[in-house]
Amino acid sequence: MAVSISYNASSLLLEPLPNLDISTRRTTNHALHRIQYVGALQPWANFMADVANTYNAQTWNQQIIASKLTGNLLADSVDEERVFVSEERGVQGRLEGRAGTALGAAFRAQQLDLKLGAFKGAFATVSRV
C-alpha cells in the first residue's frame, strides 16, 4: 500500500539526497586543463552548529510544497534514482536537478528570490577571466 508524505519548506530541506552512485569508470582530473589546487583545505569550524542555528532561526512557511509516495510497491518509481555519475558534468547536473528543485521550492515558499545554476546563466554578458 502506498502512503503519501507531504513536505513544507523546513521538512523538505531535512530530506537527504539519494546516495551518489559513482561508476568505477570515471574521470579523476580535468581533461582540458592541468590544474591542481595547492592551497590548504580545512574543515569549517562549527559547521553543523552554524547550519542548525541558521535553520532554527528561520520562520518557516507551513505551505505544502512537495509530496511523494512511499511503500513496498513503489521500489521502481521515479523517486528511486538510477543514475551513474562518472564525471563533473554528471555531478553538477544531478546537484542542479535534485537539490535545485527542492531548494528552489523552499526559496519560493520563504519568498526568497534565489536560483541555483551555472554562473554563465546569471548575467547578461560573461567574459573569460
C-alpha atoms as a PDB file:
ATOM      1  CA  MET A   1       0.000   0.000   0.000  1.00  0.00           C
ATOM      2  CA  ALA A   2       1.307   3.440  -0.914  1.00  0.00           C
ATOM      3  CA  VAL A   3       1.475   6.219   1.639  1.00  0.00           C
ATOM      4  CA  SER A   4       1.690   9.885   0.660  1.00  0.00           C
ATOM      5  CA  ILE A   5       4.145  12.074   2.561  1.00  0.00           C
ATOM      6  CA  SER A   6       3.838  15.867   2.324  1.00  0.00           C
ATOM      7  CA  TYR A   7       6.621  18.366   2.895  1.00  0.00           C
ATOM      8  CA  ASN A   8       6.767  22.043   3.736  1.00  0.00           C
ATOM      9  CA  ALA A   9       9.987  24.006   3.170  1.00  0.00           C
ATOM     10  CA  SER A  10      11.549  23.125   6.520  1.00  0.00           C
ATOM     11  CA  SER A  11      10.812  19.391   6.303  1.00  0.00           C
ATOM     12  CA  LEU A  12      11.882  19.184   2.637  1.00  0.00           C
ATOM     13  CA  LEU A  13      15.294  20.659   3.450  1.00  0.00           C
ATOM     14  CA  LEU A  14      15.839  17.929   6.048  1.00  0.00           C
ATOM     15  CA  GLU A  15      15.477  15.197   3.402  1.00  0.00           C
ATOM     16  CA  PRO A  16      18.827  13.786   2.205  1.00  0.00           C
ATOM     17  CA  LEU A  17      19.750  13.488  -1.448  1.00  0.00           C
ATOM     18  CA  PRO A  18      19.840   9.926  -2.762  1.00  0.00           C
ATOM     19  CA  ASN A  19      23.208   8.200  -2.486  1.00  0.00           C
ATOM     20  CA  LEU A  20      25.656   9.133  -5.228  1.00  0.00           C
ATOM     21  CA  ASP A  21      26.135   6.069  -7.453  1.00  0.00           C
ATOM     22  CA  ILE A  22      29.736   6.571  -8.617  1.00  0.00           C
ATOM     23  CA  SER A  23      30.819   4.500 -11.595  1.00  0.00           C
ATOM     24  CA  THR A  24      34.065   2.544 -11.413  1.00  0.00           C
ATOM     25  CA  ARG A  25      34.876   4.135 -14.798  1.00  0.00           C
ATOM     26  CA  ARG A  26      35.150   7.839 -14.062  1.00  0.00           C
ATOM     27  CA  THR A  27      37.301  10.892 -14.556  1.00  0.00           C
ATOM     28  CA  THR A  28      39.674  11.830 -11.759  1.00  0.00           C
ATOM     29  CA  ASN A  29      41.099  15.090 -13.126  1.00  0.00           C
ATOM     30  CA  HIS A  30      40.270  17.842 -15.607  1.00  0.00           C
ATOM     31  CA  ALA A  31      40.819  16.615 -19.160  1.00  0.00           C
ATOM     32  CA  LEU A  32      41.468  20.061 -20.697  1.00  0.00           C
ATOM     33  CA  HIS A  33      43.345  21.968 -18.022  1.00  0.00           C
ATOM     34  CA  ARG A  34      46.133  20.517 -15.919  1.00  0.00           C
ATOM     35  CA  ILE A  35      45.216  22.459 -12.803  1.00  0.00           C
ATOM     36  CA  GLN A  36      45.946  21.319  -9.277  1.00  0.00           C
ATOM     37  CA  TYR A  37      44.747  23.066  -6.148  1.00  0.00           C
ATOM     38  CA  VAL A  38      47.697  23.515  -3.812  1.00  0.00           C
ATOM     39  CA  GLY A  39      46.082  25.624  -1.092  1.00  0.00           C
ATOM     40  CA  ALA A  40      45.213  24.435   2.377  1.00  0.00           C
ATOM     41  CA  LEU A  41      41.829  22.846   2.971  1.00  0.00           C
ATOM     42  CA  GLN A  42      40.371  22.679   6.428  1.00  0.00           C
ATOM     43  CA  PRO A  43      37.018  21.866   7.971  1.00  0.00           C
ATOM     44  CA  TRP A  44      34.598  24.719   8.629  1.00  0.00           C
ATOM     45  CA  ALA A  45      34.790  25.154  12.385  1.00  0.00           C
ATOM     46  CA  ASN A  46      31.325  24.759  13.961  1.00  0.00           C
ATOM     47  CA  PHE A  47      29.733  23.981  10.574  1.00  0.00           C
ATOM     48  CA  MET A  48      26.986  21.728  11.971  1.00  0.00           C
ATOM     49  CA  ALA A  49      26.158  24.200  14.741  1.00  0.00           C
ATOM     50  CA  ASP A  50      26.094  27.114  12.268  1.00  0.00           C
ATOM     51  CA  VAL A  51      23.733  25.214   9.958  1.00  0.00           C
ATOM     52  CA  ALA A  52      21.459  24.198  12.854  1.00  0.00           C
ATOM     53  CA  ASN A  53      21.394  27.752  14.239  1.00  0.00           C
ATOM     54  CA  THR A  54      20.545  29.231  10.830  1.00  0.00           C
ATOM     55  CA  TYR A  55      17.846  26.600  10.206  1.00  0.00           C
ATOM     56  CA  ASN A  56      16.307  27.078  13.666  1.00  0.00           C
ATOM     57  CA  ALA A  57      16.325  30.882  13.338  1.00  0.00           C
ATOM     58  CA  GLN A  58      14.018  30.788  10.291  1.00  0.00           C
ATOM     59  CA  THR A  59      10.303  31.489  10.415  1.00  0.00           C
ATOM     60  CA  TRP A  60       9.172  28.694   8.122  1.00  0.00           C
ATOM     61  CA  ASN A  61       6.194  28.980   5.792  1.00  0.00           C
ATOM     62  CA  GLN A  62       3.985  25.946   6.516  1.00  0.00           C
ATOM     63  CA  GLN A  63       2.633  25.700   2.948  1.00  0.00           C
ATOM     64  CA  ILE A  64       2.931  22.192   1.469  1.00  0.00           C
ATOM     65  CA  ILE A  65       5.412  22.420  -1.428  1.00  0.00           C
ATOM     66  CA  ALA A  66       6.180  18.762  -2.197  1.00  0.00           C
ATOM     67  CA  SER A  67       4.914  15.246  -1.711  1.00  0.00           C
ATOM     68  CA  LYS A  68       5.985  11.731  -2.548  1.00  0.00           C
ATOM     69  CA  LEU A  69       4.558   8.254  -2.369  1.00  0.00           C
ATOM     70  CA  THR A  70       6.277   5.581  -0.320  1.00  0.00           C
ATOM     71  CA  GLY A  71       5.644   1.894   0.106  1.00  0.00           C
ATOM     72  CA  ASN A  72       6.826  -1.555  -0.929  1.00  0.00           C
ATOM     73  CA  LEU A  73       5.124  -1.422  -4.334  1.00  0.00           C
ATOM     74  CA  LEU A  74       6.952   1.786  -5.299  1.00  0.00           C
ATOM     75  CA  ALA A  75      10.507   0.413  -5.317  1.00  0.00           C
ATOM     76  CA  ASP A  76      10.875   1.140  -9.041  1.00  0.00           C
ATOM     77  CA  SER A  77       9.149   4.534  -9.040  1.00  0.00           C
ATOM     78  CA  VAL A  78      10.580   7.830 -10.296  1.00  0.00           C
ATOM     79  CA  ASP A  79      11.614   8.647  -6.721  1.00  0.00           C
ATOM     80  CA  GLU A  80      14.257   5.906  -6.901  1.00  0.00           C
ATOM     81  CA  GLU A  81      17.249   7.355  -8.715  1.00  0.00           C
ATOM     82  CA  ARG A  82      19.046   5.006 -11.134  1.00  0.00           C
ATOM     83  CA  VAL A  83      21.871   7.184 -12.478  1.00  0.00           C
ATOM     84  CA  PHE A  84      25.604   6.507 -12.700  1.00  0.00           C
ATOM     85  CA  VAL A  85      27.784   9.553 -12.065  1.00  0.00           C
ATOM     86  CA  SER A  86      31.240   9.387 -13.605  1.00  0.00           C
ATOM     87  CA  GLU A  87      32.395  12.968 -14.179  1.00  0.00           C
ATOM     88  CA  GLU A  88      31.895  16.586 -13.148  1.00  0.00           C
ATOM     89  CA  ARG A  89      29.071  17.283 -15.608  1.00  0.00           C
ATOM     90  CA  GLY A  90      27.057  14.423 -14.153  1.00  0.00           C
ATOM     91  CA  VAL A  91      27.611  15.529 -10.574  1.00  0.00           C
ATOM     92  CA  GLN A  92      26.721  19.130 -11.425  1.00  0.00           C
ATOM     93  CA  GLY A  93      23.611  18.101 -13.340  1.00  0.00           C
ATOM     94  CA  ARG A  94      22.482  15.843 -10.523  1.00  0.00           C
ATOM     95  CA  LEU A  95      23.022  18.591  -7.951  1.00  0.00           C
ATOM     96  CA  GLU A  96      21.160  21.184 -10.016  1.00  0.00           C
ATOM     97  CA  GLY A  97      18.358  18.738 -10.792  1.00  0.00           C
ATOM     98  CA  ARG A  98      17.753  17.104  -7.431  1.00  0.00           C
ATOM     99  CA  ALA A  99      18.886  19.768  -4.970  1.00  0.00           C
ATOM    100  CA  GLY A 100      17.924  22.691  -7.210  1.00  0.00           C
ATOM    101  CA  THR A 101      14.313  21.567  -7.470  1.00  0.00           C
ATOM    102  CA  ALA A 102      13.935  21.167  -3.702  1.00  0.00           C
ATOM    103  CA  LEU A 103      15.867  24.324  -2.838  1.00  0.00           C
ATOM    104  CA  GLY A 104      14.006  26.349  -5.467  1.00  0.00           C
ATOM    105  CA  ALA A 105      10.651  25.332  -3.977  1.00  0.00           C
ATOM    106  CA  ALA A 106      11.888  26.135  -0.461  1.00  0.00           C
ATOM    107  CA  PHE A 107      13.231  29.520  -1.620  1.00  0.00           C
ATOM    108  CA  ARG A 108       9.863  30.385  -3.211  1.00  0.00           C
ATOM    109  CA  ALA A 109       7.933  29.311  -0.100  1.00  0.00           C
ATOM    110  CA  GLN A 110      10.203  31.511   2.007  1.00  0.00           C
ATOM    111  CA  GLN A 111       9.765  34.371  -0.504  1.00  0.00           C
ATOM    112  CA  LEU A 112      13.492  34.426  -1.307  1.00  0.00           C
ATOM    113  CA  ASP A 113      14.456  35.474  -4.829  1.00  0.00           C
ATOM    114  CA  LEU A 114      17.247  32.891  -5.215  1.00  0.00           C
ATOM    115  CA  LYS A 115      18.031  30.449  -8.010  1.00  0.00           C
ATOM    116  CA  LEU A 116      20.745  27.830  -8.452  1.00  0.00           C
ATOM    117  CA  GLY A 117      22.698  27.316 -11.646  1.00  0.00           C
ATOM    118  CA  ALA A 118      25.868  27.930 -13.574  1.00  0.00           C
ATOM    119  CA  PHE A 119      27.238  31.462 -13.318  1.00  0.00           C
ATOM    120  CA  LYS A 120      27.037  31.947 -17.106  1.00  0.00           C
ATOM    121  CA  GLY A 121      23.259  31.955 -16.943  1.00  0.00           C
ATOM    122  CA  ALA A 122      23.113  34.546 -14.181  1.00  0.00           C
ATOM    123  CA  PHE A 123      24.417  37.552 -16.098  1.00  0.00           C
ATOM    124  CA  ALA A 124      23.547  39.139 -19.434  1.00  0.00           C
ATOM    125  CA  THR A 125      27.184  39.171 -20.529  1.00  0.00           C
ATOM    126  CA  VAL A 126      30.007  36.894 -19.499  1.00  0.00           C
ATOM    127  CA  SER A 127      33.662  37.439 -20.258  1.00  0.00           C
ATOM    128  CA  ARG A 128      36.504  34.989 -19.897  1.00  0.00           C
ATOM    129  CA  VAL A 129      38.702  35.550 -16.899  1.00  0.00           C
END
